[in-house]
Amino acid sequence: MNKQNVYAYLEGNCRGRRRSITSQRLEQKLNLSGNEIRRQVNALRREGEPIASSGNGYFYVENAAEVYATIHGLKKMRRGLDAAIEGLEMALARFGEGS
């Protein structure tokens, strides 16, 4: 199943935050793994498709506020990943150079 199937399902069935679908439910509906759902959603977003997410799941956006909320959540995740990378880079000192 390709990203267009994910897009079509969300656009047709999950318009707006109030109609979001959990990843687990979307996996069942589309017979995809959670990792594959995330990859497909990421690809759609990179192409400019308005696929958003919240604590309740994925959805096709209805307004700019829903896009802004998703952008805010993604930036928060990025800050967390950056902090984890910095911590791991500090941990490298325990192993010495070239290890």
PDB file of N, CA and C in Angstrom:
ATOM      1  N   MET A   1       0.850  -1.180   0.000  1.00  0.00           N
ATOM      2  CA  MET A   1       0.000   0.000   0.000  1.00  0.00           C
ATOM      3  C   MET A   1       0.892   1.239   0.000  1.00  0.00           C
ATOM      4  N   ASN A   2       0.572   2.199  -0.816  1.00  0.00           N
ATOM      5  CA  ASN A   2       1.409   3.381  -0.908  1.00  0.00           C
ATOM      6  C   ASN A   2       0.814   4.555  -0.131  1.00  0.00           C
ATOM      7  N   LYS A   3       1.552   5.638  -0.128  1.00  0.00           N
ATOM      8  CA  LYS A   3       1.141   6.811   0.654  1.00  0.00           C
ATOM      9  C   LYS A   3      -0.175   7.399   0.163  1.00  0.00           C
ATOM     10  N   GLN A   4      -0.512   7.194  -1.108  1.00  0.00           N
ATOM     11  CA  GLN A   4      -1.777   7.728  -1.607  1.00  0.00           C
ATOM     12  C   GLN A   4      -2.968   7.043  -0.943  1.00  0.00           C
ATOM     13  N   ASN A   5      -2.820   5.785  -0.561  1.00  0.00           N
ATOM     14  CA  ASN A   5      -3.883   5.095   0.155  1.00  0.00           C
ATOM     15  C   ASN A   5      -4.063   5.686   1.557  1.00  0.00           C
ATOM     16  N   VAL A   6      -2.946   5.996   2.200  1.00  0.00           N
ATOM     17  CA  VAL A   6      -3.005   6.619   3.527  1.00  0.00           C
ATOM     18  C   VAL A   6      -3.666   7.983   3.396  1.00  0.00           C
ATOM     19  N   TYR A   7      -3.225   8.745   2.405  1.00  0.00           N
ATOM     20  CA  TYR A   7      -3.790  10.074   2.166  1.00  0.00           C
ATOM     21  C   TYR A   7      -5.298   9.987   1.912  1.00  0.00           C
ATOM     22  N   ALA A   8      -5.702   9.113   1.014  1.00  0.00           N
ATOM     23  CA  ALA A   8      -7.115   8.987   0.653  1.00  0.00           C
ATOM     24  C   ALA A   8      -7.963   8.601   1.866  1.00  0.00           C
ATOM     25  N   TYR A   9      -7.445   7.692   2.689  1.00  0.00           N
ATOM     26  CA  TYR A   9      -8.216   7.276   3.858  1.00  0.00           C
ATOM     27  C   TYR A   9      -8.391   8.446   4.833  1.00  0.00           C
ATOM     28  N   LEU A  10      -7.287   9.134   5.123  1.00  0.00           N
ATOM     29  CA  LEU A  10      -7.370  10.243   6.064  1.00  0.00           C
ATOM     30  C   LEU A  10      -8.247  11.373   5.525  1.00  0.00           C
ATOM     31  N   GLU A  11      -8.088  11.712   4.259  1.00  0.00           N
ATOM     32  CA  GLU A  11      -8.880  12.780   3.669  1.00  0.00           C
ATOM     33  C   GLU A  11     -10.371  12.424   3.653  1.00  0.00           C
ATOM     34  N   GLY A  12     -10.663  11.195   3.371  1.00  0.00           N
ATOM     35  CA  GLY A  12     -12.057  10.781   3.257  1.00  0.00           C
ATOM     36  C   GLY A  12     -12.752  10.463   4.563  1.00  0.00           C
ATOM     37  N   ASN A  13     -11.992  10.087   5.577  1.00  0.00           N
ATOM     38  CA  ASN A  13     -12.604   9.594   6.813  1.00  0.00           C
ATOM     39  C   ASN A  13     -12.202  10.323   8.090  1.00  0.00           C
ATOM     40  N   CYS A  14     -11.151  11.102   8.029  1.00  0.00           N
ATOM     41  CA  CYS A  14     -10.591  11.668   9.264  1.00  0.00           C
ATOM     42  C   CYS A  14     -10.317  13.163   9.100  1.00  0.00           C
ATOM     43  N   ARG A  15     -11.339  13.905   8.731  1.00  0.00           N
ATOM     44  CA  ARG A  15     -11.170  15.348   8.523  1.00  0.00           C
ATOM     45  C   ARG A  15     -11.325  16.082   9.839  1.00  0.00           C
ATOM     46  N   GLY A  16     -10.249  16.765  10.223  1.00  0.00           N
ATOM     47  CA  GLY A  16     -10.266  17.555  11.447  1.00  0.00           C
ATOM     48  C   GLY A  16      -9.873  16.765  12.668  1.00  0.00           C
ATOM     49  N   ARG A  17      -9.340  17.480  13.636  1.00  0.00           N
ATOM     50  CA  ARG A  17      -8.852  16.866  14.868  1.00  0.00           C
ATOM     51  C   ARG A  17      -9.913  16.026  15.567  1.00  0.00           C
ATOM     52  N   ARG A  18     -11.144  16.496  15.505  1.00  0.00           N
ATOM     53  CA  ARG A  18     -12.221  15.780  16.202  1.00  0.00           C
ATOM     54  C   ARG A  18     -12.488  14.396  15.617  1.00  0.00           C
ATOM     55  N   ARG A  19     -12.009  14.147  14.391  1.00  0.00           N
ATOM     56  CA  ARG A  19     -12.212  12.849  13.745  1.00  0.00           C
ATOM     57  C   ARG A  19     -10.904  12.094  13.560  1.00  0.00           C
ATOM     58  N   SER A  20      -9.919  12.399  14.402  1.00  0.00           N
ATOM     59  CA  SER A  20      -8.618  11.739  14.277  1.00  0.00           C
ATOM     60  C   SER A  20      -8.742  10.239  14.527  1.00  0.00           C
ATOM     61  N   ILE A  21      -7.750   9.519  14.019  1.00  0.00           N
ATOM     62  CA  ILE A  21      -7.724   8.066  14.160  1.00  0.00           C
ATOM     63  C   ILE A  21      -6.386   7.670  14.771  1.00  0.00           C
ATOM     64  N   THR A  22      -6.423   6.776  15.734  1.00  0.00           N
ATOM     65  CA  THR A  22      -5.178   6.342  16.362  1.00  0.00           C
ATOM     66  C   THR A  22      -4.329   5.574  15.356  1.00  0.00           C
ATOM     67  N   SER A  23      -3.047   5.558  15.615  1.00  0.00           N
ATOM     68  CA  SER A  23      -2.141   4.808  14.744  1.00  0.00           C
ATOM     69  C   SER A  23      -2.544   3.341  14.719  1.00  0.00           C
ATOM     70  N   GLN A  24      -2.872   2.803  15.881  1.00  0.00           N
ATOM     71  CA  GLN A  24      -3.236   1.384  15.953  1.00  0.00           C
ATOM     72  C   GLN A  24      -4.467   1.087  15.091  1.00  0.00           C
ATOM     73  N   ARG A  25      -5.459   1.957  15.156  1.00  0.00           N
ATOM     74  CA  ARG A  25      -6.681   1.748  14.360  1.00  0.00           C
ATOM     75  C   ARG A  25      -6.385   1.904  12.863  1.00  0.00           C
ATOM     76  N   LEU A  26      -5.549   2.891  12.523  1.00  0.00           N
ATOM     77  CA  LEU A  26      -5.176   3.100  11.125  1.00  0.00           C
ATOM     78  C   LEU A  26      -4.383   1.909  10.599  1.00  0.00           C
ATOM     79  N   GLU A  27      -3.535   1.345  11.445  1.00  0.00           N
ATOM     80  CA  GLU A  27      -2.786   0.142  11.063  1.00  0.00           C
ATOM     81  C   GLU A  27      -3.750  -0.980  10.691  1.00  0.00           C
ATOM     82  N   GLN A  28      -4.779  -1.164  11.512  1.00  0.00           N
ATOM     83  CA  GLN A  28      -5.767  -2.213  11.255  1.00  0.00           C
ATOM     84  C   GLN A  28      -6.545  -1.939   9.970  1.00  0.00           C
ATOM     85  N   LYS A  29      -6.975  -0.705   9.798  1.00  0.00           N
ATOM     86  CA  LYS A  29      -7.775  -0.348   8.620  1.00  0.00           C
ATOM     87  C   LYS A  29      -7.001  -0.529   7.319  1.00  0.00           C
ATOM     88  N   LEU A  30      -5.708  -0.165   7.340  1.00  0.00           N
ATOM     89  CA  LEU A  30      -4.917  -0.186   6.112  1.00  0.00           C
ATOM     90  C   LEU A  30      -3.958  -1.368   6.018  1.00  0.00           C
ATOM     91  N   ASN A  31      -3.959  -2.215   7.055  1.00  0.00           N
ATOM     92  CA  ASN A  31      -3.084  -3.386   7.093  1.00  0.00           C
ATOM     93  C   ASN A  31      -1.616  -2.986   6.917  1.00  0.00           C
ATOM     94  N   LEU A  32      -1.192  -2.000   7.696  1.00  0.00           N
ATOM     95  CA  LEU A  32       0.187  -1.520   7.682  1.00  0.00           C
ATOM     96  C   LEU A  32       0.734  -1.524   9.096  1.00  0.00           C
ATOM     97  N   SER A  33       2.052  -1.579   9.216  1.00  0.00           N
ATOM     98  CA  SER A  33       2.685  -1.485  10.533  1.00  0.00           C
ATOM     99  C   SER A  33       2.711  -0.027  10.972  1.00  0.00           C
ATOM    100  N   GLY A  34       2.920   0.186  12.254  1.00  0.00           N
ATOM    101  CA  GLY A  34       3.047   1.543  12.771  1.00  0.00           C
ATOM    102  C   GLY A  34       4.208   2.284  12.133  1.00  0.00           C
ATOM    103  N   ASN A  35       5.323   1.589  11.938  1.00  0.00           N
ATOM    104  CA  ASN A  35       6.476   2.214  11.282  1.00  0.00           C
ATOM    105  C   ASN A  35       6.140   2.640   9.862  1.00  0.00           C
ATOM    106  N   GLU A  36       5.413   1.816   9.152  1.00  0.00           N
ATOM    107  CA  GLU A  36       5.048   2.147   7.772  1.00  0.00           C
ATOM    108  C   GLU A  36       4.079   3.327   7.743  1.00  0.00           C
ATOM    109  N   ILE A  37       3.148   3.372   8.674  1.00  0.00           N
ATOM    110  CA  ILE A  37       2.229   4.523   8.763  1.00  0.00           C
ATOM    111  C   ILE A  37       3.042   5.796   8.958  1.00  0.00           C
ATOM    112  N   ARG A  38       3.983   5.779   9.898  1.00  0.00           N
ATOM    113  CA  ARG A  38       4.806   6.968  10.163  1.00  0.00           C
ATOM    114  C   ARG A  38       5.613   7.373   8.937  1.00  0.00           C
ATOM    115  N   ARG A  39       6.176   6.405   8.234  1.00  0.00           N
ATOM    116  CA  ARG A  39       6.934   6.708   7.013  1.00  0.00           C
ATOM    117  C   ARG A  39       6.044   7.350   5.947  1.00  0.00           C
ATOM    118  N   GLN A  40       4.857   6.794   5.774  1.00  0.00           N
ATOM    119  CA  GLN A  40       3.944   7.324   4.761  1.00  0.00           C
ATOM    120  C   GLN A  40       3.465   8.729   5.120  1.00  0.00           C
ATOM    121  N   VAL A  41       3.126   8.941   6.385  1.00  0.00           N
ATOM    122  CA  VAL A  41       2.687  10.273   6.828  1.00  0.00           C
ATOM    123  C   VAL A  41       3.822  11.276   6.658  1.00  0.00           C
ATOM    124  N   ASN A  42       5.035  10.873   7.013  1.00  0.00           N
ATOM    125  CA  ASN A  42       6.184  11.756   6.855  1.00  0.00           C
ATOM    126  C   ASN A  42       6.375  12.131   5.390  1.00  0.00           C
ATOM    127  N   ALA A  43       6.276  11.152   4.504  1.00  0.00           N
ATOM    128  CA  ALA A  43       6.437  11.421   3.068  1.00  0.00           C
ATOM    129  C   ALA A  43       5.360  12.378   2.570  1.00  0.00           C
ATOM    130  N   LEU A  44       4.127  12.178   3.002  1.00  0.00           N
ATOM    131  CA  LEU A  44       3.034  13.064   2.596  1.00  0.00           C
ATOM    132  C   LEU A  44       3.275  14.486   3.084  1.00  0.00           C
ATOM    133  N   ARG A  45       3.691  14.619   4.315  1.00  0.00           N
ATOM    134  CA  ARG A  45       3.957  15.950   4.862  1.00  0.00           C
ATOM    135  C   ARG A  45       5.079  16.644   4.096  1.00  0.00           C
ATOM    136  N   ARG A  46       6.124  15.911   3.765  1.00  0.00           N
ATOM    137  CA  ARG A  46       7.244  16.498   3.014  1.00  0.00           C
ATOM    138  C   ARG A  46       6.799  16.989   1.646  1.00  0.00           C
ATOM    139  N   GLU A  47       5.759  16.388   1.109  1.00  0.00           N
ATOM    140  CA  GLU A  47       5.203  16.814  -0.176  1.00  0.00           C
ATOM    141  C   GLU A  47       4.202  17.959  -0.025  1.00  0.00           C
ATOM    142  N   GLY A  48       3.966  18.384   1.216  1.00  0.00           N
ATOM    143  CA  GLY A  48       3.055  19.502   1.446  1.00  0.00           C
ATOM    144  C   GLY A  48       1.614  19.114   1.705  1.00  0.00           C
ATOM    145  N   GLU A  49       1.357  17.836   1.915  1.00  0.00           N
ATOM    146  CA  GLU A  49      -0.018  17.414   2.200  1.00  0.00           C
ATOM    147  C   GLU A  49      -0.353  17.723   3.664  1.00  0.00           C
ATOM    148  N   PRO A  50      -1.566  18.197   3.925  1.00  0.00           N
ATOM    149  CA  PRO A  50      -1.946  18.633   5.269  1.00  0.00           C
ATOM    150  C   PRO A  50      -2.387  17.490   6.185  1.00  0.00           C
ATOM    151  N   ILE A  51      -1.437  16.634   6.524  1.00  0.00           N
ATOM    152  CA  ILE A  51      -1.714  15.537   7.446  1.00  0.00           C
ATOM    153  C   ILE A  51      -1.173  15.947   8.813  1.00  0.00           C
ATOM    154  N   ALA A  52      -2.045  15.966   9.786  1.00  0.00           N
ATOM    155  CA  ALA A  52      -1.666  16.408  11.125  1.00  0.00           C
ATOM    156  C   ALA A  52      -1.780  15.246  12.100  1.00  0.00           C
ATOM    157  N   SER A  53      -1.303  15.506  13.313  1.00  0.00           N
ATOM    158  CA  SER A  53      -1.421  14.512  14.372  1.00  0.00           C
ATOM    159  C   SER A  53      -1.539  15.222  15.703  1.00  0.00           C
ATOM    160  N   SER A  54      -2.107  14.495  16.639  1.00  0.00           N
ATOM    161  CA  SER A  54      -2.243  14.979  18.011  1.00  0.00           C
ATOM    162  C   SER A  54      -2.129  13.757  18.914  1.00  0.00           C
ATOM    163  N   GLY A  55      -2.355  13.957  20.170  1.00  0.00           N
ATOM    164  CA  GLY A  55      -2.347  12.830  21.098  1.00  0.00           C
ATOM    165  C   GLY A  55      -3.424  11.810  20.777  1.00  0.00           C
ATOM    166  N   ASN A  56      -4.398  12.214  19.975  1.00  0.00           N
ATOM    167  CA  ASN A  56      -5.513  11.324  19.617  1.00  0.00           C
ATOM    168  C   ASN A  56      -5.287  10.577  18.317  1.00  0.00           C
ATOM    169  N   GLY A  57      -4.244  10.939  17.565  1.00  0.00           N
ATOM    170  CA  GLY A  57      -3.959  10.231  16.336  1.00  0.00           C
ATOM    171  C   GLY A  57      -3.742  11.150  15.155  1.00  0.00           C
ATOM    172  N   TYR A  58      -3.908  10.584  13.963  1.00  0.00           N
ATOM    173  CA  TYR A  58      -3.689  11.293  12.705  1.00  0.00           C
ATOM    174  C   TYR A  58      -5.009  11.809  12.156  1.00  0.00           C
ATOM    175  N   PHE A  59      -4.911  12.894  11.365  1.00  0.00           N
ATOM    176  CA  PHE A  59      -6.097  13.421  10.706  1.00  0.00           C
ATOM    177  C   PHE A  59      -5.704  14.342   9.567  1.00  0.00           C
ATOM    178  N   TYR A  60      -6.639  14.560   8.664  1.00  0.00           N
ATOM    179  CA  TYR A  60      -6.492  15.500   7.558  1.00  0.00           C
ATOM    180  C   TYR A  60      -6.979  16.849   8.081  1.00  0.00           C
ATOM    181  N   VAL A  61      -6.152  17.865   7.978  1.00  0.00           N
ATOM    182  CA  VAL A  61      -6.481  19.142   8.623  1.00  0.00           C
ATOM    183  C   VAL A  61      -7.642  19.862   7.958  1.00  0.00           C
ATOM    184  N   GLU A  62      -8.352  20.613   8.790  1.00  0.00           N
ATOM    185  CA  GLU A  62      -9.450  21.443   8.323  1.00  0.00           C
ATOM    186  C   GLU A  62      -9.117  22.931   8.361  1.00  0.00           C
ATOM    187  N   ASN A  63      -8.108  23.300   9.150  1.00  0.00           N
ATOM    188  CA  ASN A  63      -7.786  24.726   9.276  1.00  0.00           C
ATOM    189  C   ASN A  63      -6.315  24.906   9.662  1.00  0.00           C
ATOM    190  N   ALA A  64      -5.863  26.149   9.567  1.00  0.00           N
ATOM    191  CA  ALA A  64      -4.456  26.458   9.841  1.00  0.00           C
ATOM    192  C   ALA A  64      -4.065  26.160  11.285  1.00  0.00           C
ATOM    193  N   ALA A  65      -4.985  26.334  12.216  1.00  0.00           N
ATOM    194  CA  ALA A  65      -4.666  26.078  13.623  1.00  0.00           C
ATOM    195  C   ALA A  65      -4.222  24.630  13.830  1.00  0.00           C
ATOM    196  N   GLU A  66      -4.839  23.710  13.113  1.00  0.00           N
ATOM    197  CA  GLU A  66      -4.456  22.307  13.236  1.00  0.00           C
ATOM    198  C   GLU A  66      -3.060  22.066  12.670  1.00  0.00           C
ATOM    199  N   VAL A  67      -2.717  22.785  11.617  1.00  0.00           N
ATOM    200  CA  VAL A  67      -1.359  22.672  11.065  1.00  0.00           C
ATOM    201  C   VAL A  67      -0.357  23.237  12.058  1.00  0.00           C
ATOM    202  N   TYR A  68      -0.645  24.427  12.600  1.00  0.00           N
ATOM    203  CA  TYR A  68       0.263  25.051  13.566  1.00  0.00           C
ATOM    204  C   TYR A  68       0.482  24.158  14.789  1.00  0.00           C
ATOM    205  N   ALA A  69      -0.575  23.527  15.281  1.00  0.00           N
ATOM    206  CA  ALA A  69      -0.442  22.648  16.450  1.00  0.00           C
ATOM    207  C   ALA A  69       0.472  21.468  16.138  1.00  0.00           C
ATOM    208  N   THR A  70       0.355  20.905  14.941  1.00  0.00           N
ATOM    209  CA  THR A  70       1.214  19.786  14.558  1.00  0.00           C
ATOM    210  C   THR A  70       2.658  20.243  14.401  1.00  0.00           C
ATOM    211  N   ILE A  71       2.855  21.414  13.790  1.00  0.00           N
ATOM    212  CA  ILE A  71       4.211  21.954  13.654  1.00  0.00           C
ATOM    213  C   ILE A  71       4.833  22.141  15.036  1.00  0.00           C
ATOM    214  N   HIS A  72       4.067  22.683  15.964  1.00  0.00           N
ATOM    215  CA  HIS A  72       4.572  22.890  17.327  1.00  0.00           C
ATOM    216  C   HIS A  72       4.980  21.551  17.951  1.00  0.00           C
ATOM    217  N   GLY A  73       4.150  20.540  17.804  1.00  0.00           N
ATOM    218  CA  GLY A  73       4.470  19.222  18.350  1.00  0.00           C
ATOM    219  C   GLY A  73       5.716  18.618  17.732  1.00  0.00           C
ATOM    220  N   LEU A  74       5.874  18.782  16.422  1.00  0.00           N
ATOM    221  CA  LEU A  74       7.061  18.254  15.743  1.00  0.00           C
ATOM    222  C   LEU A  74       8.323  18.982  16.187  1.00  0.00           C
ATOM    223  N   LYS A  75       8.225  20.297  16.380  1.00  0.00           N
ATOM    224  CA  LYS A  75       9.385  21.050  16.856  1.00  0.00           C
ATOM    225  C   LYS A  75       9.767  20.628  18.272  1.00  0.00           C
ATOM    226  N   LYS A  76       8.779  20.342  19.087  1.00  0.00           N
ATOM    227  CA  LYS A  76       9.046  19.861  20.441  1.00  0.00           C
ATOM    228  C   LYS A  76       9.760  18.508  20.396  1.00  0.00           C
ATOM    229  N   MET A  77       9.317  17.637  19.500  1.00  0.00           N
ATOM    230  CA  MET A  77       9.983  16.341  19.335  1.00  0.00           C
ATOM    231  C   MET A  77      11.420  16.536  18.867  1.00  0.00           C
ATOM    232  N   ARG A  78      11.621  17.472  17.936  1.00  0.00           N
ATOM    233  CA  ARG A  78      12.967  17.741  17.423  1.00  0.00           C
ATOM    234  C   ARG A  78      13.881  18.213  18.553  1.00  0.00           C
ATOM    235  N   ARG A  79      13.384  19.083  19.423  1.00  0.00           N
ATOM    236  CA  ARG A  79      14.211  19.544  20.549  1.00  0.00           C
ATOM    237  C   ARG A  79      14.595  18.374  21.443  1.00  0.00           C
ATOM    238  N   GLY A  80      13.668  17.460  21.658  1.00  0.00           N
ATOM    239  CA  GLY A  80      13.966  16.281  22.468  1.00  0.00           C
ATOM    240  C   GLY A  80      15.008  15.391  21.811  1.00  0.00           C
ATOM    241  N   LEU A  81      14.900  15.215  20.510  1.00  0.00           N
ATOM    242  CA  LEU A  81      15.894  14.414  19.781  1.00  0.00           C
ATOM    243  C   LEU A  81      17.259  15.085  19.806  1.00  0.00           C
ATOM    244  N   ASP A  82      17.294  16.409  19.630  1.00  0.00           N
ATOM    245  CA  ASP A  82      18.563  17.134  19.684  1.00  0.00           C
ATOM    246  C   ASP A  82      19.223  16.970  21.051  1.00  0.00           C
ATOM    247  N   ALA A  83      18.424  17.036  22.126  1.00  0.00           N
ATOM    248  CA  ALA A  83      18.963  16.868  23.476  1.00  0.00           C
ATOM    249  C   ALA A  83      19.503  15.448  23.675  1.00  0.00           C
ATOM    250  N   ALA A  84      18.808  14.457  23.141  1.00  0.00           N
ATOM    251  CA  ALA A  84      19.274  13.070  23.254  1.00  0.00           C
ATOM    252  C   ALA A  84      20.586  12.878  22.495  1.00  0.00           C
ATOM    253  N   ILE A  85      20.687  13.478  21.315  1.00  0.00           N
ATOM    254  CA  ILE A  85      21.925  13.387  20.537  1.00  0.00           C
ATOM    255  C   ILE A  85      23.074  14.025  21.304  1.00  0.00           C
ATOM    256  N   GLU A  86      22.839  15.194  21.878  1.00  0.00           N
ATOM    257  CA  GLU A  86      23.892  15.870  22.657  1.00  0.00           C
ATOM    258  C   GLU A  86      24.339  15.006  23.828  1.00  0.00           C
ATOM    259  N   GLY A  87      23.386  14.378  24.514  1.00  0.00           N
ATOM    260  CA  GLY A  87      23.728  13.505  25.627  1.00  0.00           C
ATOM    261  C   GLY A  87      24.562  12.318  25.189  1.00  0.00           C
ATOM    262  N   LEU A  88      24.200  11.721  24.079  1.00  0.00           N
ATOM    263  CA  LEU A  88      24.969  10.589  23.566  1.00  0.00           C
ATOM    264  C   LEU A  88      26.365  11.019  23.119  1.00  0.00           C
ATOM    265  N   GLU A  89      26.470  12.215  22.544  1.00  0.00           N
ATOM    266  CA  GLU A  89      27.787  12.716  22.160  1.00  0.00           C
ATOM    267  C   GLU A  89      28.668  12.922  23.394  1.00  0.00           C
ATOM    268  N   MET A  90      28.076  13.373  24.507  1.00  0.00           N
ATOM    269  CA  MET A  90      28.837  13.495  25.755  1.00  0.00           C
ATOM    270  C   MET A  90      29.262  12.114  26.252  1.00  0.00           C
ATOM    271  N   ALA A  91      28.380  11.125  26.062  1.00  0.00           N
ATOM    272  CA  ALA A  91      28.682   9.764  26.521  1.00  0.00           C
ATOM    273  C   ALA A  91      29.858   9.165  25.763  1.00  0.00           C
ATOM    274  N   LEU A  92      30.094   9.621  24.561  1.00  0.00           N
ATOM    275  CA  LEU A  92      31.220   9.094  23.782  1.00  0.00           C
ATOM    276  C   LEU A  92      32.548   9.282  24.511  1.00  0.00           C
ATOM    277  N   ALA A  93      32.656  10.318  25.333  1.00  0.00           N
ATOM    278  CA  ALA A  93      33.895  10.584  26.061  1.00  0.00           C
ATOM    279  C   ALA A  93      34.279   9.400  26.953  1.00  0.00           C
ATOM    280  N   ARG A  94      33.306   8.634  27.409  1.00  0.00           N
ATOM    281  CA  ARG A  94      33.587   7.476  28.257  1.00  0.00           C
ATOM    282  C   ARG A  94      34.332   6.383  27.517  1.00  0.00           C
ATOM    283  N   PHE A  95      34.251   6.396  26.224  1.00  0.00           N
ATOM    284  CA  PHE A  95      34.828   5.326  25.430  1.00  0.00           C
ATOM    285  C   PHE A  95      36.153   5.729  24.794  1.00  0.00           C
ATOM    286  N   GLY A  96      36.534   6.970  24.949  1.00  0.00           N
ATOM    287  CA  GLY A  96      37.789   7.441  24.359  1.00  0.00           C
ATOM    288  C   GLY A  96      37.663   7.582  22.858  1.00  0.00           C
ATOM    289  N   GLU A  97      38.626   8.264  22.303  1.00  0.00           N
ATOM    290  CA  GLU A  97      38.611   8.484  20.858  1.00  0.00           C
ATOM    291  C   GLU A  97      38.975   7.209  20.117  1.00  0.00           C
ATOM    292  N   GLY A  98      38.347   7.003  18.997  1.00  0.00           N
ATOM    293  CA  GLY A  98      38.651   5.857  18.138  1.00  0.00           C
ATOM    294  C   GLY A  98      38.074   4.538  18.596  1.00  0.00           C
ATOM    295  N   SER A  99      37.295   4.525  19.657  1.00  0.00           N
ATOM    296  CA  SER A  99      36.707   3.258  20.134  1.00  0.00           C
ATOM    297  C   SER A  99      35.458   2.919  19.390  1.00  0.00           C
TER     298      SER A  99
END
